[in-house]
Amino acid sequence: MSLTDLKKRSKQTVKRNKVSVDQFIEDADNYAQGKPSTVNKLTSEAKPTTNFRHCTFTFDASAISHLQQASQQHKVAKSKLLRLLLKQFDSLSPQQQQALLEENQER
């Protein structure tokens, strides 16, 4: 008999529902505001999960403020808002992208 045989095992395993990153963030926001959890109310209509990777960005104070205001105004997580904006930018033609970049170039 080895030491691993003596390891205490739980009798029942808890099966947890898989949730997306956005659902987790929204539920954490609800928890912080004292609102009920929305993750527990999930049904079998769960969306397919997408693999997300952690990224770090550097923004100036103005950009952070704008992102925070947009997030609060539309009740959308900041990460989701950034993904939507990137998707919108990607849907533009290369010429439109270049024009937008030139129009908003930092001086």
PDB file of N, CA and C in Angstrom:
ATOM      1  N   MET A   1       0.860  -1.176   0.000  1.00  0.00           N
ATOM      2  CA  MET A   1       0.000   0.000   0.000  1.00  0.00           C
ATOM      3  C   MET A   1       0.903   1.235   0.000  1.00  0.00           C
ATOM      4  N   SER A   2       0.569   2.177  -0.875  1.00  0.00           N
ATOM      5  CA  SER A   2       1.353   3.405  -0.951  1.00  0.00           C
ATOM      6  C   SER A   2       0.614   4.533  -0.248  1.00  0.00           C
ATOM      7  N   LEU A   3       1.297   5.662  -0.101  1.00  0.00           N
ATOM      8  CA  LEU A   3       0.686   6.816   0.553  1.00  0.00           C
ATOM      9  C   LEU A   3      -0.487   7.369  -0.255  1.00  0.00           C
ATOM     10  N   THR A   4      -0.462   7.191  -1.563  1.00  0.00           N
ATOM     11  CA  THR A   4      -1.576   7.703  -2.368  1.00  0.00           C
ATOM     12  C   THR A   4      -2.862   6.950  -2.081  1.00  0.00           C
ATOM     13  N   ASP A   5      -2.748   5.705  -1.632  1.00  0.00           N
ATOM     14  CA  ASP A   5      -3.945   4.952  -1.270  1.00  0.00           C
ATOM     15  C   ASP A   5      -4.601   5.510  -0.017  1.00  0.00           C
ATOM     16  N   LEU A   6      -3.837   6.201   0.806  1.00  0.00           N
ATOM     17  CA  LEU A   6      -4.367   6.765   2.039  1.00  0.00           C
ATOM     18  C   LEU A   6      -4.958   8.158   1.842  1.00  0.00           C
ATOM     19  N   LYS A   7      -4.798   8.679   0.654  1.00  0.00           N
ATOM     20  CA  LYS A   7      -5.273  10.030   0.378  1.00  0.00           C
ATOM     21  C   LYS A   7      -6.793  10.091   0.516  1.00  0.00           C
ATOM     22  N   LYS A   8      -7.239  11.100   1.235  1.00  0.00           N
ATOM     23  CA  LYS A   8      -8.670  11.270   1.450  1.00  0.00           C
ATOM     24  C   LYS A   8      -9.317  11.733   0.148  1.00  0.00           C
ATOM     25  N   ARG A   9     -10.347  11.061  -0.260  1.00  0.00           N
ATOM     26  CA  ARG A   9     -11.048  11.415  -1.486  1.00  0.00           C
ATOM     27  C   ARG A   9     -12.459  11.864  -1.141  1.00  0.00           C
ATOM     28  N   SER A  10     -12.918  12.829  -1.901  1.00  0.00           N
ATOM     29  CA  SER A  10     -14.293  13.265  -1.673  1.00  0.00           C
ATOM     30  C   SER A  10     -15.231  12.196  -2.219  1.00  0.00           C
ATOM     31  N   LYS A  11     -16.342  12.010  -1.533  1.00  0.00           N
ATOM     32  CA  LYS A  11     -17.281  10.971  -1.931  1.00  0.00           C
ATOM     33  C   LYS A  11     -18.114  11.398  -3.132  1.00  0.00           C
ATOM     34  N   GLN A  12     -18.390  12.689  -3.232  1.00  0.00           N
ATOM     35  CA  GLN A  12     -19.169  13.190  -4.352  1.00  0.00           C
ATOM     36  C   GLN A  12     -18.389  14.307  -5.032  1.00  0.00           C
ATOM     37  N   THR A  13     -18.407  14.260  -6.332  1.00  0.00           N
ATOM     38  CA  THR A  13     -17.773  15.351  -7.061  1.00  0.00           C
ATOM     39  C   THR A  13     -18.852  16.351  -7.446  1.00  0.00           C
ATOM     40  N   VAL A  14     -18.506  17.602  -7.316  1.00  0.00           N
ATOM     41  CA  VAL A  14     -19.445  18.663  -7.648  1.00  0.00           C
ATOM     42  C   VAL A  14     -19.272  18.995  -9.118  1.00  0.00           C
ATOM     43  N   LYS A  15     -20.348  18.839  -9.877  1.00  0.00           N
ATOM     44  CA  LYS A  15     -20.280  19.171 -11.294  1.00  0.00           C
ATOM     45  C   LYS A  15     -20.691  20.625 -11.458  1.00  0.00           C
ATOM     46  N   ARG A  16     -19.782  21.423 -11.980  1.00  0.00           N
ATOM     47  CA  ARG A  16     -20.043  22.845 -12.152  1.00  0.00           C
ATOM     48  C   ARG A  16     -20.314  23.138 -13.616  1.00  0.00           C
ATOM     49  N   ASN A  17     -21.225  24.067 -13.817  1.00  0.00           N
ATOM     50  CA  ASN A  17     -21.511  24.495 -15.178  1.00  0.00           C
ATOM     51  C   ASN A  17     -20.360  25.337 -15.693  1.00  0.00           C
ATOM     52  N   LYS A  18     -19.998  25.109 -16.949  1.00  0.00           N
ATOM     53  CA  LYS A  18     -18.956  25.932 -17.559  1.00  0.00           C
ATOM     54  C   LYS A  18     -19.587  27.242 -17.997  1.00  0.00           C
ATOM     55  N   VAL A  19     -18.907  28.333 -17.704  1.00  0.00           N
ATOM     56  CA  VAL A  19     -19.408  29.653 -18.081  1.00  0.00           C
ATOM     57  C   VAL A  19     -18.334  30.372 -18.883  1.00  0.00           C
ATOM     58  N   SER A  20     -18.779  31.283 -19.723  1.00  0.00           N
ATOM     59  CA  SER A  20     -17.830  32.054 -20.520  1.00  0.00           C
ATOM     60  C   SER A  20     -17.170  33.116 -19.645  1.00  0.00           C
ATOM     61  N   VAL A  21     -16.119  33.690 -20.157  1.00  0.00           N
ATOM     62  CA  VAL A  21     -15.401  34.743 -19.439  1.00  0.00           C
ATOM     63  C   VAL A  21     -16.325  35.933 -19.204  1.00  0.00           C
ATOM     64  N   ASP A  22     -17.107  36.291 -20.227  1.00  0.00           N
ATOM     65  CA  ASP A  22     -18.018  37.429 -20.100  1.00  0.00           C
ATOM     66  C   ASP A  22     -19.069  37.185 -19.018  1.00  0.00           C
ATOM     67  N   GLN A  23     -19.611  35.959 -18.962  1.00  0.00           N
ATOM     68  CA  GLN A  23     -20.604  35.636 -17.943  1.00  0.00           C
ATOM     69  C   GLN A  23     -19.981  35.707 -16.552  1.00  0.00           C
ATOM     70  N   PHE A  24     -18.753  35.223 -16.427  1.00  0.00           N
ATOM     71  CA  PHE A  24     -18.069  35.264 -15.142  1.00  0.00           C
ATOM     72  C   PHE A  24     -17.856  36.703 -14.686  1.00  0.00           C
ATOM     73  N   ILE A  25     -17.403  37.566 -15.609  1.00  0.00           N
ATOM     74  CA  ILE A  25     -17.147  38.970 -15.274  1.00  0.00           C
ATOM     75  C   ILE A  25     -18.446  39.665 -14.890  1.00  0.00           C
ATOM     76  N   GLU A  26     -19.515  39.435 -15.662  1.00  0.00           N
ATOM     77  CA  GLU A  26     -20.799  40.065 -15.356  1.00  0.00           C
ATOM     78  C   GLU A  26     -21.331  39.592 -14.012  1.00  0.00           C
ATOM     79  N   ASP A  27     -21.136  38.304 -13.709  1.00  0.00           N
ATOM     80  CA  ASP A  27     -21.595  37.786 -12.425  1.00  0.00           C
ATOM     81  C   ASP A  27     -20.780  38.389 -11.282  1.00  0.00           C
ATOM     82  N   ALA A  28     -19.480  38.591 -11.494  1.00  0.00           N
ATOM     83  CA  ALA A  28     -18.647  39.229 -10.466  1.00  0.00           C
ATOM     84  C   ALA A  28     -19.094  40.666 -10.240  1.00  0.00           C
ATOM     85  N   ASP A  29     -19.436  41.375 -11.332  1.00  0.00           N
ATOM     86  CA  ASP A  29     -19.952  42.743 -11.197  1.00  0.00           C
ATOM     87  C   ASP A  29     -21.261  42.742 -10.412  1.00  0.00           C
ATOM     88  N   ASN A  30     -22.149  41.795 -10.721  1.00  0.00           N
ATOM     89  CA  ASN A  30     -23.419  41.693  -9.995  1.00  0.00           C
ATOM     90  C   ASN A  30     -23.174  41.412  -8.518  1.00  0.00           C
ATOM     91  N   TYR A  31     -22.239  40.524  -8.218  1.00  0.00           N
ATOM     92  CA  TYR A  31     -21.920  40.197  -6.835  1.00  0.00           C
ATOM     93  C   TYR A  31     -21.421  41.437  -6.093  1.00  0.00           C
ATOM     94  N   ALA A  32     -20.548  42.214  -6.758  1.00  0.00           N
ATOM     95  CA  ALA A  32     -19.997  43.418  -6.129  1.00  0.00           C
ATOM     96  C   ALA A  32     -21.080  44.450  -5.855  1.00  0.00           C
ATOM     97  N   GLN A  33     -22.132  44.449  -6.668  1.00  0.00           N
ATOM     98  CA  GLN A  33     -23.218  45.409  -6.504  1.00  0.00           C
ATOM     99  C   GLN A  33     -24.351  44.854  -5.644  1.00  0.00           C
ATOM    100  N   GLY A  34     -24.175  43.636  -5.130  1.00  0.00           N
ATOM    101  CA  GLY A  34     -25.187  43.046  -4.263  1.00  0.00           C
ATOM    102  C   GLY A  34     -26.378  42.484  -5.012  1.00  0.00           C
ATOM    103  N   LYS A  35     -26.231  42.269  -6.294  1.00  0.00           N
ATOM    104  CA  LYS A  35     -27.320  41.719  -7.108  1.00  0.00           C
ATOM    105  C   LYS A  35     -27.210  40.198  -7.132  1.00  0.00           C
ATOM    106  N   PRO A  36     -28.313  39.512  -7.428  1.00  0.00           N
ATOM    107  CA  PRO A  36     -28.273  38.047  -7.460  1.00  0.00           C
ATOM    108  C   PRO A  36     -27.421  37.528  -8.619  1.00  0.00           C
ATOM    109  N   SER A  37     -26.928  36.326  -8.444  1.00  0.00           N
ATOM    110  CA  SER A  37     -26.082  35.697  -9.449  1.00  0.00           C
ATOM    111  C   SER A  37     -26.889  35.349 -10.691  1.00  0.00           C
ATOM    112  N   THR A  38     -26.307  35.576 -11.849  1.00  0.00           N
ATOM    113  CA  THR A  38     -26.972  35.192 -13.097  1.00  0.00           C
ATOM    114  C   THR A  38     -26.417  33.885 -13.629  1.00  0.00           C
ATOM    115  N   VAL A  39     -25.252  33.477 -13.158  1.00  0.00           N
ATOM    116  CA  VAL A  39     -24.640  32.244 -13.643  1.00  0.00           C
ATOM    117  C   VAL A  39     -25.472  31.039 -13.230  1.00  0.00           C
ATOM    118  N   ASN A  40     -26.032  31.060 -12.035  1.00  0.00           N
ATOM    119  CA  ASN A  40     -26.830  29.937 -11.563  1.00  0.00           C
ATOM    120  C   ASN A  40     -28.123  29.781 -12.344  1.00  0.00           C
ATOM    121  N   LYS A  41     -28.540  30.823 -13.035  1.00  0.00           N
ATOM    122  CA  LYS A  41     -29.788  30.785 -13.788  1.00  0.00           C
ATOM    123  C   LYS A  41     -29.588  30.310 -15.220  1.00  0.00           C
ATOM    124  N   LEU A  42     -28.374  29.884 -15.544  1.00  0.00           N
ATOM    125  CA  LEU A  42     -28.098  29.438 -16.905  1.00  0.00           C
ATOM    126  C   LEU A  42     -28.885  28.173 -17.219  1.00  0.00           C
ATOM    127  N   THR A  43     -29.342  28.093 -18.440  1.00  0.00           N
ATOM    128  CA  THR A  43     -30.065  26.902 -18.883  1.00  0.00           C
ATOM    129  C   THR A  43     -29.175  26.111 -19.822  1.00  0.00           C
ATOM    130  N   SER A  44     -29.757  25.119 -20.438  1.00  0.00           N
ATOM    131  CA  SER A  44     -28.976  24.292 -21.353  1.00  0.00           C
ATOM    132  C   SER A  44     -28.645  25.020 -22.646  1.00  0.00           C
ATOM    133  N   GLU A  45     -29.073  26.266 -22.779  1.00  0.00           N
ATOM    134  CA  GLU A  45     -28.794  27.048 -23.976  1.00  0.00           C
ATOM    135  C   GLU A  45     -27.421  27.700 -23.911  1.00  0.00           C
ATOM    136  N   ALA A  46     -26.495  27.092 -23.228  1.00  0.00           N
ATOM    137  CA  ALA A  46     -25.173  27.692 -23.055  1.00  0.00           C
ATOM    138  C   ALA A  46     -24.508  27.904 -24.408  1.00  0.00           C
ATOM    139  N   LYS A  47     -23.895  29.061 -24.549  1.00  0.00           N
ATOM    140  CA  LYS A  47     -23.194  29.386 -25.786  1.00  0.00           C
ATOM    141  C   LYS A  47     -21.895  28.590 -25.834  1.00  0.00           C
ATOM    142  N   PRO A  48     -21.435  28.279 -27.026  1.00  0.00           N
ATOM    143  CA  PRO A  48     -20.143  27.597 -27.101  1.00  0.00           C
ATOM    144  C   PRO A  48     -19.047  28.499 -26.540  1.00  0.00           C
ATOM    145  N   THR A  49     -18.186  27.914 -25.757  1.00  0.00           N
ATOM    146  CA  THR A  49     -17.137  28.713 -25.133  1.00  0.00           C
ATOM    147  C   THR A  49     -16.002  28.953 -26.118  1.00  0.00           C
ATOM    148  N   THR A  50     -15.405  30.101 -26.005  1.00  0.00           N
ATOM    149  CA  THR A  50     -14.270  30.478 -26.831  1.00  0.00           C
ATOM    150  C   THR A  50     -13.052  30.550 -25.933  1.00  0.00           C
ATOM    151  N   ASN A  51     -11.952  30.090 -26.437  1.00  0.00           N
ATOM    152  CA  ASN A  51     -10.727  30.182 -25.646  1.00  0.00           C
ATOM    153  C   ASN A  51     -10.236  31.620 -25.657  1.00  0.00           C
ATOM    154  N   PHE A  52     -10.052  32.177 -24.485  1.00  0.00           N
ATOM    155  CA  PHE A  52      -9.567  33.539 -24.338  1.00  0.00           C
ATOM    156  C   PHE A  52      -8.151  33.493 -23.791  1.00  0.00           C
ATOM    157  N   ARG A  53      -7.377  34.498 -24.120  1.00  0.00           N
ATOM    158  CA  ARG A  53      -6.035  34.635 -23.586  1.00  0.00           C
ATOM    159  C   ARG A  53      -5.936  35.964 -22.878  1.00  0.00           C
ATOM    160  N   HIS A  54      -5.210  35.968 -21.790  1.00  0.00           N
ATOM    161  CA  HIS A  54      -5.014  37.181 -21.008  1.00  0.00           C
ATOM    162  C   HIS A  54      -4.080  38.119 -21.763  1.00  0.00           C
ATOM    163  N   CYS A  55      -4.458  39.379 -21.858  1.00  0.00           N
ATOM    164  CA  CYS A  55      -3.633  40.393 -22.531  1.00  0.00           C
ATOM    165  C   CYS A  55      -3.522  41.615 -21.632  1.00  0.00           C
ATOM    166  N   THR A  56      -2.420  42.298 -21.746  1.00  0.00           N
ATOM    167  CA  THR A  56      -2.209  43.526 -20.992  1.00  0.00           C
ATOM    168  C   THR A  56      -2.018  44.664 -21.972  1.00  0.00           C
ATOM    169  N   PHE A  57      -2.751  45.750 -21.751  1.00  0.00           N
ATOM    170  CA  PHE A  57      -2.665  46.922 -22.604  1.00  0.00           C
ATOM    171  C   PHE A  57      -2.302  48.128 -21.757  1.00  0.00           C
ATOM    172  N   THR A  58      -1.718  49.112 -22.389  1.00  0.00           N
ATOM    173  CA  THR A  58      -1.400  50.361 -21.715  1.00  0.00           C
ATOM    174  C   THR A  58      -2.229  51.464 -22.349  1.00  0.00           C
ATOM    175  N   PHE A  59      -3.056  52.128 -21.540  1.00  0.00           N
ATOM    176  CA  PHE A  59      -3.905  53.217 -22.001  1.00  0.00           C
ATOM    177  C   PHE A  59      -3.581  54.468 -21.200  1.00  0.00           C
ATOM    178  N   ASP A  60      -3.824  55.624 -21.809  1.00  0.00           N
ATOM    179  CA  ASP A  60      -3.690  56.860 -21.047  1.00  0.00           C
ATOM    180  C   ASP A  60      -4.958  57.049 -20.213  1.00  0.00           C
ATOM    181  N   ALA A  61      -4.941  58.008 -19.318  1.00  0.00           N
ATOM    182  CA  ALA A  61      -6.066  58.222 -18.402  1.00  0.00           C
ATOM    183  C   ALA A  61      -7.357  58.522 -19.152  1.00  0.00           C
ATOM    184  N   SER A  62      -7.258  59.253 -20.248  1.00  0.00           N
ATOM    185  CA  SER A  62      -8.437  59.603 -21.038  1.00  0.00           C
ATOM    186  C   SER A  62      -9.088  58.355 -21.635  1.00  0.00           C
ATOM    187  N   ALA A  63      -8.279  57.466 -22.193  1.00  0.00           N
ATOM    188  CA  ALA A  63      -8.809  56.239 -22.797  1.00  0.00           C
ATOM    189  C   ALA A  63      -9.460  55.354 -21.738  1.00  0.00           C
ATOM    190  N   ILE A  64      -8.839  55.269 -20.580  1.00  0.00           N
ATOM    191  CA  ILE A  64      -9.401  54.471 -19.486  1.00  0.00           C
ATOM    192  C   ILE A  64     -10.741  55.047 -19.053  1.00  0.00           C
ATOM    193  N   SER A  65     -10.815  56.352 -18.944  1.00  0.00           N
ATOM    194  CA  SER A  65     -12.053  57.016 -18.552  1.00  0.00           C
ATOM    195  C   SER A  65     -13.160  56.766 -19.573  1.00  0.00           C
ATOM    196  N   HIS A  66     -12.827  56.897 -20.859  1.00  0.00           N
ATOM    197  CA  HIS A  66     -13.822  56.661 -21.910  1.00  0.00           C
ATOM    198  C   HIS A  66     -14.307  55.211 -21.891  1.00  0.00           C
ATOM    199  N   LEU A  67     -13.381  54.281 -21.717  1.00  0.00           N
ATOM    200  CA  LEU A  67     -13.740  52.867 -21.675  1.00  0.00           C
ATOM    201  C   LEU A  67     -14.633  52.571 -20.473  1.00  0.00           C
ATOM    202  N   GLN A  68     -14.299  53.127 -19.323  1.00  0.00           N
ATOM    203  CA  GLN A  68     -15.098  52.935 -18.113  1.00  0.00           C
ATOM    204  C   GLN A  68     -16.505  53.499 -18.287  1.00  0.00           C
ATOM    205  N   GLN A  69     -16.612  54.702 -18.849  1.00  0.00           N
ATOM    206  CA  GLN A  69     -17.920  55.331 -19.063  1.00  0.00           C
ATOM    207  C   GLN A  69     -18.766  54.512 -20.031  1.00  0.00           C
ATOM    208  N   ALA A  70     -18.165  54.064 -21.125  1.00  0.00           N
ATOM    209  CA  ALA A  70     -18.903  53.264 -22.106  1.00  0.00           C
ATOM    210  C   ALA A  70     -19.353  51.944 -21.492  1.00  0.00           C
ATOM    211  N   SER A  71     -18.500  51.345 -20.688  1.00  0.00           N
ATOM    212  CA  SER A  71     -18.826  50.088 -20.031  1.00  0.00           C
ATOM    213  C   SER A  71     -20.015  50.253 -19.086  1.00  0.00           C
ATOM    214  N   GLN A  72     -20.008  51.315 -18.293  1.00  0.00           N
ATOM    215  CA  GLN A  72     -21.103  51.562 -17.353  1.00  0.00           C
ATOM    216  C   GLN A  72     -22.381  51.959 -18.075  1.00  0.00           C
ATOM    217  N   GLN A  73     -22.251  52.802 -19.089  1.00  0.00           N
ATOM    218  CA  GLN A  73     -23.425  53.293 -19.812  1.00  0.00           C
ATOM    219  C   GLN A  73     -24.168  52.154 -20.506  1.00  0.00           C
ATOM    220  N   HIS A  74     -23.433  51.245 -21.119  1.00  0.00           N
ATOM    221  CA  HIS A  74     -24.056  50.172 -21.893  1.00  0.00           C
ATOM    222  C   HIS A  74     -24.152  48.867 -21.114  1.00  0.00           C
ATOM    223  N   LYS A  75     -23.663  48.877 -19.875  1.00  0.00           N
ATOM    224  CA  LYS A  75     -23.704  47.696 -19.000  1.00  0.00           C
ATOM    225  C   LYS A  75     -23.066  46.481 -19.684  1.00  0.00           C
ATOM    226  N   VAL A  76     -21.860  46.721 -20.201  1.00  0.00           N
ATOM    227  CA  VAL A  76     -21.093  45.688 -20.882  1.00  0.00           C
ATOM    228  C   VAL A  76     -19.698  45.664 -20.263  1.00  0.00           C
ATOM    229  N   ALA A  77     -19.160  44.488 -20.073  1.00  0.00           N
ATOM    230  CA  ALA A  77     -17.807  44.375 -19.531  1.00  0.00           C
ATOM    231  C   ALA A  77     -16.810  45.059 -20.467  1.00  0.00           C
ATOM    232  N   LYS A  78     -15.794  45.670 -19.873  1.00  0.00           N
ATOM    233  CA  LYS A  78     -14.802  46.406 -20.672  1.00  0.00           C
ATOM    234  C   LYS A  78     -14.110  45.492 -21.675  1.00  0.00           C
ATOM    235  N   SER A  79     -13.804  44.272 -21.273  1.00  0.00           N
ATOM    236  CA  SER A  79     -13.136  43.344 -22.190  1.00  0.00           C
ATOM    237  C   SER A  79     -14.037  43.003 -23.373  1.00  0.00           C
ATOM    238  N   LYS A  80     -15.320  42.841 -23.108  1.00  0.00           N
ATOM    239  CA  LYS A  80     -16.257  42.546 -24.195  1.00  0.00           C
ATOM    240  C   LYS A  80     -16.381  43.751 -25.121  1.00  0.00           C
ATOM    241  N   LEU A  81     -16.415  44.933 -24.551  1.00  0.00           N
ATOM    242  CA  LEU A  81     -16.500  46.157 -25.347  1.00  0.00           C
ATOM    243  C   LEU A  81     -15.278  46.286 -26.259  1.00  0.00           C
ATOM    244  N   LEU A  82     -14.103  46.007 -25.733  1.00  0.00           N
ATOM    245  CA  LEU A  82     -12.889  46.056 -26.554  1.00  0.00           C
ATOM    246  C   LEU A  82     -12.936  45.021 -27.676  1.00  0.00           C
ATOM    247  N   ARG A  83     -13.446  43.814 -27.380  1.00  0.00           N
ATOM    248  CA  ARG A  83     -13.564  42.794 -28.428  1.00  0.00           C
ATOM    249  C   ARG A  83     -14.518  43.248 -29.525  1.00  0.00           C
ATOM    250  N   LEU A  84     -15.638  43.884 -29.127  1.00  0.00           N
ATOM    251  CA  LEU A  84     -16.592  44.393 -30.117  1.00  0.00           C
ATOM    252  C   LEU A  84     -15.963  45.476 -30.989  1.00  0.00           C
ATOM    253  N   LEU A  85     -15.215  46.378 -30.368  1.00  0.00           N
ATOM    254  CA  LEU A  85     -14.566  47.449 -31.123  1.00  0.00           C
ATOM    255  C   LEU A  85     -13.514  46.895 -32.089  1.00  0.00           C
ATOM    256  N   LEU A  86     -12.763  45.894 -31.650  1.00  0.00           N
ATOM    257  CA  LEU A  86     -11.776  45.276 -32.532  1.00  0.00           C
ATOM    258  C   LEU A  86     -12.448  44.563 -33.703  1.00  0.00           C
ATOM    259  N   LYS A  87     -13.563  43.905 -33.419  1.00  0.00           N
ATOM    260  CA  LYS A  87     -14.306  43.225 -34.483  1.00  0.00           C
ATOM    261  C   LYS A  87     -14.830  44.240 -35.494  1.00  0.00           C
ATOM    262  N   GLN A  88     -15.322  45.374 -35.005  1.00  0.00           N
ATOM    263  CA  GLN A  88     -15.816  46.435 -35.881  1.00  0.00           C
ATOM    264  C   GLN A  88     -14.679  46.983 -36.740  1.00  0.00           C
ATOM    265  N   PHE A  89     -13.521  47.225 -36.142  1.00  0.00           N
ATOM    266  CA  PHE A  89     -12.363  47.731 -36.884  1.00  0.00           C
ATOM    267  C   PHE A  89     -11.944  46.728 -37.960  1.00  0.00           C
ATOM    268  N   ASP A  90     -11.965  45.446 -37.601  1.00  0.00           N
ATOM    269  CA  ASP A  90     -11.567  44.397 -38.537  1.00  0.00           C
ATOM    270  C   ASP A  90     -12.533  44.294 -39.717  1.00  0.00           C
ATOM    271  N   SER A  91     -13.787  44.690 -39.516  1.00  0.00           N
ATOM    272  CA  SER A  91     -14.777  44.608 -40.593  1.00  0.00           C
ATOM    273  C   SER A  91     -14.610  45.730 -41.623  1.00  0.00           C
ATOM    274  N   LEU A  92     -13.807  46.742 -41.305  1.00  0.00           N
ATOM    275  CA  LEU A  92     -13.565  47.839 -42.241  1.00  0.00           C
ATOM    276  C   LEU A  92     -12.591  47.395 -43.334  1.00  0.00           C
ATOM    277  N   SER A  93     -12.679  48.045 -44.477  1.00  0.00           N
ATOM    278  CA  SER A  93     -11.724  47.771 -45.553  1.00  0.00           C
ATOM    279  C   SER A  93     -10.356  48.315 -45.134  1.00  0.00           C
ATOM    280  N   PRO A  94      -9.286  47.835 -45.747  1.00  0.00           N
ATOM    281  CA  PRO A  94      -7.955  48.365 -45.402  1.00  0.00           C
ATOM    282  C   PRO A  94      -7.856  49.881 -45.585  1.00  0.00           C
ATOM    283  N   GLN A  95      -8.524  50.411 -46.589  1.00  0.00           N
ATOM    284  CA  GLN A  95      -8.498  51.857 -46.818  1.00  0.00           C
ATOM    285  C   GLN A  95      -9.218  52.595 -45.688  1.00  0.00           C
ATOM    286  N   GLN A  96     -10.359  52.057 -45.254  1.00  0.00           N
ATOM    287  CA  GLN A  96     -11.105  52.673 -44.156  1.00  0.00           C
ATOM    288  C   GLN A  96     -10.304  52.592 -42.855  1.00  0.00           C
ATOM    289  N   GLN A  97      -9.650  51.467 -42.638  1.00  0.00           N
ATOM    290  CA  GLN A  97      -8.815  51.323 -41.448  1.00  0.00           C
ATOM    291  C   GLN A  97      -7.696  52.357 -41.449  1.00  0.00           C
ATOM    292  N   GLN A  98      -7.031  52.500 -42.587  1.00  0.00           N
ATOM    293  CA  GLN A  98      -5.926  53.450 -42.686  1.00  0.00           C
ATOM    294  C   GLN A  98      -6.409  54.876 -42.476  1.00  0.00           C
ATOM    295  N   ALA A  99      -7.568  55.210 -43.071  1.00  0.00           N
ATOM    296  CA  ALA A  99      -8.121  56.558 -42.913  1.00  0.00           C
ATOM    297  C   ALA A  99      -8.449  56.832 -41.447  1.00  0.00           C
ATOM    298  N   LEU A 100      -9.021  55.853 -40.769  1.00  0.00           N
ATOM    299  CA  LEU A 100      -9.357  56.004 -39.356  1.00  0.00           C
ATOM    300  C   LEU A 100      -8.096  56.181 -38.514  1.00  0.00           C
ATOM    301  N   LEU A 101      -7.072  55.407 -38.815  1.00  0.00           N
ATOM    302  CA  LEU A 101      -5.816  55.516 -38.072  1.00  0.00           C
ATOM    303  C   LEU A 101      -5.154  56.872 -38.295  1.00  0.00           C
ATOM    304  N   GLU A 102      -5.161  57.336 -39.523  1.00  0.00           N
ATOM    305  CA  GLU A 102      -4.560  58.640 -39.816  1.00  0.00           C
ATOM    306  C   GLU A 102      -5.344  59.772 -39.162  1.00  0.00           C
ATOM    307  N   GLU A 103      -6.664  59.633 -39.146  1.00  0.00           N
ATOM    308  CA  GLU A 103      -7.530  60.656 -38.545  1.00  0.00           C
ATOM    309  C   GLU A 103      -7.304  60.769 -37.043  1.00  0.00           C
ATOM    310  N   ASN A 104      -6.991  59.653 -36.407  1.00  0.00           N
ATOM    311  CA  ASN A 104      -6.855  59.621 -34.946  1.00  0.00           C
ATOM    312  C   ASN A 104      -5.419  59.435 -34.489  1.00  0.00           C
ATOM    313  N   GLN A 105      -4.468  59.736 -35.348  1.00  0.00           N
ATOM    314  CA  GLN A 105      -3.059  59.579 -35.001  1.00  0.00           C
ATOM    315  C   GLN A 105      -2.677  60.558 -33.899  1.00  0.00           C
ATOM    316  N   GLU A 106      -1.971  60.026 -32.879  1.00  0.00           N
ATOM    317  CA  GLU A 106      -1.519  60.894 -31.777  1.00  0.00           C
ATOM    318  C   GLU A 106      -0.429  61.821 -32.273  1.00  0.00           C
ATOM    319  N   ARG A 107      -0.455  63.008 -31.779  1.00  0.00           N
ATOM    320  CA  ARG A 107       0.551  64.000 -32.180  1.00  0.00           C
ATOM    321  C   ARG A 107       1.508  64.251 -31.060  1.00  0.00           C
TER     322      ARG A 107
END
